[in-house]
Amino acid sequence: LITRDCSTVERGEVEGAGAQEQDVQLRHYEGDGQEKMLELLDEKVEEVYRSCIGDNEANISTLQMLTNIENRLEELFEHIEMMPQEKVELAEKAKEKERRKNLREEKKEQQRLHNEERVRKALERAKGRP
């Protein structure tokens, strides 16, 4: 686990990149849709770049940003390999525990919203009856 500039990187995970990866689903687009998808990908790459490297002050291309992100990850992997294995394992364990906790909280929130929606529909049905 390595912390730099408020970003945390752990064995291939860039904090914030997982969510972005889930948001972007590649599909086959024609014409304008393809341009829109490229713009969306550019925005996501820049968001990850800011998280990992910093602001894109030099206005470099998306491809160069991806190259810089990849290089940074390689540096971090090398650094992790030099760290004591026990420390890495503890960090991975803590990160996995945090991930599971977040999933549980998200599931609870979805269930709460689902229950609220059920109650709202039941009230609407009850009001609608004469």
N, C-alpha and C. Protein backbone atom coordinates (compact mmCIF):
# COMPACT_ATOMS: atom_id res chain seq x y z
N LEU A 1 0.87 -1.18 0.00
CA LEU A 1 0.00 0.00 0.00
C LEU A 1 0.90 1.22 0.00
N ILE A 2 0.67 2.11 -0.96
CA ILE A 2 1.52 3.29 -1.09
C ILE A 2 0.61 4.51 -1.17
N THR A 3 0.94 5.52 -0.42
CA THR A 3 0.16 6.75 -0.45
C THR A 3 1.03 7.86 -1.01
N ARG A 4 0.50 8.59 -1.98
CA ARG A 4 1.22 9.71 -2.59
C ARG A 4 0.21 10.73 -3.06
N ASP A 5 0.39 11.96 -2.66
CA ASP A 5 -0.49 13.04 -3.09
C ASP A 5 -1.96 12.69 -2.89
N CYS A 6 -2.29 12.19 -1.72
CA CYS A 6 -3.67 11.86 -1.36
C CYS A 6 -4.24 10.75 -2.22
N SER A 7 -3.45 10.03 -3.00
CA SER A 7 -3.92 8.90 -3.80
C SER A 7 -3.36 7.63 -3.19
N THR A 8 -4.14 6.59 -3.19
CA THR A 8 -3.70 5.32 -2.65
C THR A 8 -3.70 4.30 -3.77
N VAL A 9 -2.59 3.58 -3.87
CA VAL A 9 -2.48 2.56 -4.90
C VAL A 9 -2.09 1.26 -4.22
N GLU A 10 -2.79 0.20 -4.56
CA GLU A 10 -2.50 -1.09 -3.96
C GLU A 10 -2.62 -2.17 -5.01
N ARG A 11 -1.55 -2.82 -5.33
CA ARG A 11 -1.53 -3.96 -6.25
C ARG A 11 -2.50 -3.78 -7.41
N GLY A 12 -2.29 -2.78 -8.21
CA GLY A 12 -3.08 -2.59 -9.43
C GLY A 12 -4.35 -1.79 -9.24
N GLU A 13 -4.64 -1.39 -8.05
CA GLU A 13 -5.85 -0.63 -7.84
C GLU A 13 -5.51 0.83 -7.65
N VAL A 14 -6.08 1.66 -8.45
CA VAL A 14 -5.93 3.09 -8.29
C VAL A 14 -7.21 3.57 -7.64
N GLU A 15 -7.07 4.21 -6.49
CA GLU A 15 -8.25 4.66 -5.76
C GLU A 15 -9.11 5.51 -6.69
N GLY A 16 -10.37 5.15 -6.80
CA GLY A 16 -11.27 5.88 -7.68
C GLY A 16 -11.36 5.27 -9.06
N ALA A 17 -10.39 4.55 -9.50
CA ALA A 17 -10.40 4.00 -10.85
C ALA A 17 -11.39 2.86 -10.97
N GLY A 18 -11.61 2.11 -9.91
CA GLY A 18 -12.55 1.00 -9.97
C GLY A 18 -13.94 1.45 -10.31
N ALA A 19 -14.40 2.52 -9.65
CA ALA A 19 -15.71 3.05 -9.94
C ALA A 19 -15.78 3.58 -11.36
N GLN A 20 -14.74 4.25 -11.78
CA GLN A 20 -14.72 4.79 -13.14
C GLN A 20 -14.76 3.66 -14.15
N GLU A 21 -14.05 2.60 -13.86
CA GLU A 21 -14.02 1.46 -14.77
C GLU A 21 -15.41 0.88 -14.91
N GLN A 22 -16.16 0.83 -13.81
CA GLN A 22 -17.50 0.30 -13.85
C GLN A 22 -18.44 1.23 -14.62
N ASP A 23 -18.19 2.53 -14.56
CA ASP A 23 -19.05 3.49 -15.25
C ASP A 23 -18.90 3.40 -16.76
N VAL A 24 -17.72 3.07 -17.22
CA VAL A 24 -17.45 3.08 -18.65
C VAL A 24 -17.65 1.67 -19.20
N GLN A 25 -18.66 1.51 -20.03
CA GLN A 25 -18.89 0.23 -20.67
C GLN A 25 -18.71 0.44 -22.16
N LEU A 26 -17.74 -0.28 -22.71
CA LEU A 26 -17.46 -0.12 -24.13
C LEU A 26 -18.50 -0.86 -24.94
N ARG A 27 -19.04 -0.19 -25.91
CA ARG A 27 -20.02 -0.77 -26.83
C ARG A 27 -19.65 -0.31 -28.23
N HIS A 28 -20.28 -0.94 -29.19
CA HIS A 28 -20.04 -0.54 -30.58
C HIS A 28 -20.95 0.66 -30.88
N TYR A 29 -20.33 1.76 -31.27
CA TYR A 29 -21.06 2.98 -31.58
C TYR A 29 -20.83 3.36 -33.03
N GLU A 30 -21.81 3.96 -33.63
CA GLU A 30 -21.72 4.45 -35.00
C GLU A 30 -21.73 5.98 -34.99
N GLY A 31 -20.99 6.59 -35.89
CA GLY A 31 -21.03 8.04 -36.11
C GLY A 31 -20.83 8.86 -34.85
N ASP A 32 -21.83 9.71 -34.54
CA ASP A 32 -21.75 10.63 -33.41
C ASP A 32 -21.61 9.90 -32.07
N GLY A 33 -22.22 8.74 -31.96
CA GLY A 33 -22.14 7.97 -30.72
C GLY A 33 -20.71 7.58 -30.39
N GLN A 34 -19.95 7.28 -31.43
CA GLN A 34 -18.55 6.91 -31.22
C GLN A 34 -17.76 8.11 -30.71
N GLU A 35 -18.01 9.28 -31.27
CA GLU A 35 -17.34 10.50 -30.81
C GLU A 35 -17.69 10.79 -29.35
N LYS A 36 -18.95 10.60 -29.02
CA LYS A 36 -19.41 10.84 -27.65
C LYS A 36 -18.70 9.88 -26.69
N MET A 37 -18.56 8.61 -27.11
CA MET A 37 -17.89 7.63 -26.28
C MET A 37 -16.42 7.99 -26.10
N LEU A 38 -15.77 8.45 -27.14
CA LEU A 38 -14.37 8.86 -27.03
C LEU A 38 -14.21 10.03 -26.08
N GLU A 39 -15.13 10.97 -26.13
CA GLU A 39 -15.10 12.11 -25.21
C GLU A 39 -15.26 11.63 -23.77
N LEU A 40 -16.18 10.68 -23.56
CA LEU A 40 -16.40 10.13 -22.22
C LEU A 40 -15.14 9.43 -21.73
N LEU A 41 -14.51 8.65 -22.59
CA LEU A 41 -13.28 7.97 -22.21
C LEU A 41 -12.16 8.96 -21.90
N ASP A 42 -12.07 10.02 -22.71
CA ASP A 42 -11.07 11.06 -22.44
C ASP A 42 -11.26 11.66 -21.05
N GLU A 43 -12.52 11.94 -20.70
CA GLU A 43 -12.82 12.52 -19.39
C GLU A 43 -12.44 11.55 -18.27
N LYS A 44 -12.75 10.28 -18.44
CA LYS A 44 -12.44 9.29 -17.41
C LYS A 44 -10.92 9.13 -17.25
N VAL A 45 -10.20 9.11 -18.37
CA VAL A 45 -8.74 8.99 -18.30
C VAL A 45 -8.16 10.20 -17.58
N GLU A 46 -8.67 11.39 -17.89
CA GLU A 46 -8.17 12.59 -17.23
C GLU A 46 -8.47 12.56 -15.72
N GLU A 47 -9.63 12.04 -15.37
CA GLU A 47 -10.00 11.92 -13.95
C GLU A 47 -9.03 10.98 -13.22
N VAL A 48 -8.72 9.85 -13.83
CA VAL A 48 -7.78 8.90 -13.24
C VAL A 48 -6.39 9.51 -13.19
N TYR A 49 -6.02 10.24 -14.24
CA TYR A 49 -4.71 10.89 -14.30
C TYR A 49 -4.55 11.86 -13.13
N ARG A 50 -5.58 12.68 -12.90
CA ARG A 50 -5.53 13.64 -11.79
C ARG A 50 -5.38 12.90 -10.46
N SER A 51 -6.06 11.78 -10.33
CA SER A 51 -6.00 11.01 -9.09
C SER A 51 -4.63 10.39 -8.87
N CYS A 52 -3.99 9.92 -9.94
CA CYS A 52 -2.71 9.20 -9.81
C CYS A 52 -1.50 10.11 -9.92
N ILE A 53 -1.54 11.05 -10.83
CA ILE A 53 -0.36 11.85 -11.18
C ILE A 53 -0.50 13.29 -10.71
N GLY A 54 -1.63 13.90 -10.99
CA GLY A 54 -1.87 15.30 -10.67
C GLY A 54 -2.56 15.97 -11.84
N ASP A 55 -2.69 17.27 -11.79
CA ASP A 55 -3.36 18.01 -12.86
C ASP A 55 -2.61 17.89 -14.17
N ASN A 56 -3.36 17.93 -15.25
CA ASN A 56 -2.80 17.86 -16.60
C ASN A 56 -2.47 19.28 -17.05
N GLU A 57 -1.48 19.87 -16.43
CA GLU A 57 -1.14 21.26 -16.71
C GLU A 57 -0.53 21.44 -18.10
N ALA A 58 0.13 20.40 -18.60
CA ALA A 58 0.79 20.49 -19.91
C ALA A 58 -0.17 20.16 -21.05
N ASN A 59 -1.43 19.86 -20.72
CA ASN A 59 -2.42 19.50 -21.73
C ASN A 59 -1.94 18.37 -22.64
N ILE A 60 -1.45 17.30 -22.04
CA ILE A 60 -0.97 16.19 -22.84
C ILE A 60 -2.15 15.36 -23.35
N SER A 61 -1.91 14.56 -24.36
CA SER A 61 -2.98 13.77 -24.99
C SER A 61 -3.43 12.65 -24.07
N THR A 62 -4.57 12.10 -24.39
CA THR A 62 -5.13 10.99 -23.62
C THR A 62 -4.17 9.80 -23.65
N LEU A 63 -3.61 9.53 -24.80
CA LEU A 63 -2.68 8.41 -24.92
C LEU A 63 -1.45 8.62 -24.03
N GLN A 64 -0.94 9.85 -23.99
CA GLN A 64 0.22 10.14 -23.14
C GLN A 64 -0.16 10.04 -21.67
N MET A 65 -1.39 10.47 -21.32
CA MET A 65 -1.84 10.33 -19.94
C MET A 65 -1.88 8.85 -19.55
N LEU A 66 -2.40 8.01 -20.44
CA LEU A 66 -2.46 6.57 -20.16
C LEU A 66 -1.06 5.99 -19.99
N THR A 67 -0.14 6.44 -20.82
CA THR A 67 1.25 5.98 -20.72
C THR A 67 1.84 6.39 -19.37
N ASN A 68 1.61 7.62 -18.96
CA ASN A 68 2.12 8.09 -17.67
C ASN A 68 1.50 7.32 -16.50
N ILE A 69 0.22 7.02 -16.59
CA ILE A 69 -0.46 6.24 -15.55
C ILE A 69 0.17 4.85 -15.48
N GLU A 70 0.37 4.25 -16.62
CA GLU A 70 0.97 2.92 -16.67
C GLU A 70 2.38 2.93 -16.07
N ASN A 71 3.17 3.93 -16.43
CA ASN A 71 4.53 4.04 -15.88
C ASN A 71 4.50 4.22 -14.36
N ARG A 72 3.57 5.02 -13.87
CA ARG A 72 3.46 5.24 -12.43
C ARG A 72 3.09 3.95 -11.72
N LEU A 73 2.17 3.19 -12.31
CA LEU A 73 1.78 1.92 -11.71
C LEU A 73 2.95 0.95 -11.67
N GLU A 74 3.74 0.91 -12.72
CA GLU A 74 4.92 0.05 -12.74
C GLU A 74 5.90 0.44 -11.63
N GLU A 75 6.09 1.75 -11.44
CA GLU A 75 6.96 2.23 -10.36
C GLU A 75 6.43 1.76 -9.01
N LEU A 76 5.13 1.88 -8.83
CA LEU A 76 4.52 1.50 -7.55
C LEU A 76 4.61 -0.01 -7.33
N PHE A 77 4.43 -0.79 -8.39
CA PHE A 77 4.56 -2.24 -8.26
C PHE A 77 5.98 -2.61 -7.84
N GLU A 78 6.95 -1.96 -8.43
CA GLU A 78 8.35 -2.21 -8.07
C GLU A 78 8.59 -1.86 -6.60
N HIS A 79 8.01 -0.76 -6.18
CA HIS A 79 8.15 -0.33 -4.78
C HIS A 79 7.50 -1.35 -3.84
N ILE A 80 6.33 -1.84 -4.23
CA ILE A 80 5.63 -2.83 -3.41
C ILE A 80 6.46 -4.11 -3.30
N GLU A 81 7.09 -4.51 -4.39
CA GLU A 81 7.91 -5.72 -4.37
C GLU A 81 9.09 -5.60 -3.40
N MET A 82 9.56 -4.38 -3.18
CA MET A 82 10.69 -4.17 -2.27
C MET A 82 10.25 -4.06 -0.81
N MET A 83 8.96 -3.91 -0.58
CA MET A 83 8.44 -3.78 0.79
C MET A 83 8.40 -5.15 1.45
N PRO A 84 8.45 -5.18 2.79
CA PRO A 84 8.32 -6.45 3.50
C PRO A 84 6.97 -7.11 3.17
N GLN A 85 7.02 -8.39 2.86
CA GLN A 85 5.81 -9.12 2.45
C GLN A 85 4.70 -9.04 3.51
N GLU A 86 5.08 -9.09 4.78
CA GLU A 86 4.08 -9.02 5.85
C GLU A 86 3.31 -7.71 5.83
N LYS A 87 4.04 -6.63 5.59
CA LYS A 87 3.41 -5.30 5.53
C LYS A 87 2.43 -5.23 4.36
N VAL A 88 2.83 -5.77 3.23
CA VAL A 88 1.97 -5.77 2.04
C VAL A 88 0.72 -6.60 2.30
N GLU A 89 0.90 -7.76 2.90
CA GLU A 89 -0.25 -8.62 3.19
C GLU A 89 -1.22 -7.96 4.16
N LEU A 90 -0.69 -7.28 5.18
CA LEU A 90 -1.56 -6.57 6.13
C LEU A 90 -2.35 -5.47 5.42
N ALA A 91 -1.67 -4.74 4.54
CA ALA A 91 -2.34 -3.66 3.80
C ALA A 91 -3.42 -4.23 2.89
N GLU A 92 -3.11 -5.34 2.21
CA GLU A 92 -4.10 -5.97 1.33
C GLU A 92 -5.30 -6.46 2.13
N LYS A 93 -5.03 -7.04 3.29
CA LYS A 93 -6.11 -7.53 4.14
C LYS A 93 -7.01 -6.38 4.60
N ALA A 94 -6.40 -5.28 5.01
CA ALA A 94 -7.16 -4.11 5.46
C ALA A 94 -7.99 -3.53 4.31
N LYS A 95 -7.40 -3.48 3.14
CA LYS A 95 -8.10 -2.94 1.98
C LYS A 95 -9.29 -3.83 1.60
N GLU A 96 -9.10 -5.13 1.66
CA GLU A 96 -10.18 -6.07 1.35
C GLU A 96 -11.31 -5.95 2.38
N LYS A 97 -10.94 -5.78 3.64
CA LYS A 97 -11.93 -5.59 4.70
C LYS A 97 -12.74 -4.32 4.44
N GLU A 98 -12.06 -3.25 4.07
CA GLU A 98 -12.74 -1.99 3.76
C GLU A 98 -13.66 -2.15 2.55
N ARG A 99 -13.21 -2.87 1.53
CA ARG A 99 -14.02 -3.09 0.33
C ARG A 99 -15.30 -3.85 0.69
N ARG A 100 -15.16 -4.91 1.50
CA ARG A 100 -16.34 -5.69 1.91
C ARG A 100 -17.31 -4.84 2.72
N LYS A 101 -16.75 -3.99 3.60
CA LYS A 101 -17.60 -3.10 4.42
C LYS A 101 -18.38 -2.14 3.52
N ASN A 102 -17.69 -1.58 2.53
CA ASN A 102 -18.36 -0.66 1.60
C ASN A 102 -19.46 -1.37 0.82
N LEU A 103 -19.20 -2.61 0.41
CA LEU A 103 -20.23 -3.38 -0.30
C LEU A 103 -21.44 -3.63 0.59
N ARG A 104 -21.20 -3.97 1.85
CA ARG A 104 -22.31 -4.19 2.78
C ARG A 104 -23.13 -2.92 2.96
N GLU A 105 -22.44 -1.79 3.12
CA GLU A 105 -23.15 -0.51 3.30
C GLU A 105 -23.95 -0.15 2.05
N GLU A 106 -23.37 -0.39 0.90
CA GLU A 106 -24.07 -0.10 -0.36
C GLU A 106 -25.30 -0.98 -0.50
N LYS A 107 -25.16 -2.25 -0.14
CA LYS A 107 -26.29 -3.18 -0.21
C LYS A 107 -27.40 -2.75 0.75
N LYS A 108 -27.01 -2.33 1.97
CA LYS A 108 -28.00 -1.86 2.94
C LYS A 108 -28.74 -0.63 2.40
N GLU A 109 -27.99 0.27 1.79
CA GLU A 109 -28.61 1.49 1.24
C GLU A 109 -29.57 1.14 0.10
N GLN A 110 -29.18 0.24 -0.75
CA GLN A 110 -30.08 -0.19 -1.84
C GLN A 110 -31.33 -0.83 -1.29
N GLN A 111 -31.18 -1.64 -0.26
CA GLN A 111 -32.34 -2.28 0.37
C GLN A 111 -33.25 -1.23 1.00
N ARG A 112 -32.65 -0.24 1.66
CA ARG A 112 -33.45 0.84 2.27
C ARG A 112 -34.24 1.59 1.21
N LEU A 113 -33.59 1.92 0.09
CA LEU A 113 -34.28 2.62 -1.00
C LEU A 113 -35.40 1.77 -1.59
N HIS A 114 -35.12 0.48 -1.73
CA HIS A 114 -36.13 -0.43 -2.25
C HIS A 114 -37.34 -0.48 -1.32
N ASN A 115 -37.08 -0.56 -0.02
CA ASN A 115 -38.18 -0.59 0.95
C ASN A 115 -38.97 0.71 0.94
N GLU A 116 -38.27 1.84 0.85
CA GLU A 116 -38.97 3.13 0.76
C GLU A 116 -39.88 3.17 -0.46
N GLU A 117 -39.39 2.67 -1.58
CA GLU A 117 -40.18 2.66 -2.81
C GLU A 117 -41.41 1.77 -2.65
N ARG A 118 -41.24 0.62 -2.00
CA ARG A 118 -42.38 -0.28 -1.77
C ARG A 118 -43.42 0.40 -0.90
N VAL A 119 -42.98 1.07 0.16
CA VAL A 119 -43.91 1.76 1.06
C VAL A 119 -44.62 2.89 0.31
N ARG A 120 -43.87 3.63 -0.50
CA ARG A 120 -44.47 4.73 -1.27
C ARG A 120 -45.54 4.21 -2.22
N LYS A 121 -45.27 3.13 -2.91
CA LYS A 121 -46.26 2.54 -3.84
C LYS A 121 -47.47 2.03 -3.09
N ALA A 122 -47.25 1.42 -1.92
CA ALA A 122 -48.35 0.92 -1.12
C ALA A 122 -49.25 2.07 -0.66
N LEU A 123 -48.63 3.19 -0.25
CA LEU A 123 -49.41 4.37 0.15
C LEU A 123 -50.20 4.94 -1.02
N GLU A 124 -49.59 4.98 -2.19
CA GLU A 124 -50.30 5.47 -3.38
C GLU A 124 -51.51 4.60 -3.69
N ARG A 125 -51.32 3.27 -3.61
CA ARG A 125 -52.44 2.35 -3.85
C ARG A 125 -53.52 2.57 -2.82
N ALA A 126 -53.12 2.76 -1.55
CA ALA A 126 -54.11 2.94 -0.49
C ALA A 126 -54.89 4.24 -0.67
N LYS A 127 -54.22 5.28 -1.12
CA LYS A 127 -54.88 6.58 -1.34
C LYS A 127 -55.81 6.51 -2.55
N GLY A 128 -55.44 5.72 -3.50
CA GLY A 128 -56.21 5.64 -4.74
C GLY A 128 -57.52 4.89 -4.60
N ARG A 129 -57.67 4.10 -3.56
CA ARG A 129 -58.88 3.33 -3.35
C ARG A 129 -59.98 4.22 -2.76
N PRO A 130 -61.20 4.02 -3.23
CA PRO A 130 -62.31 4.82 -2.68
C PRO A 130 -62.77 4.41 -1.32
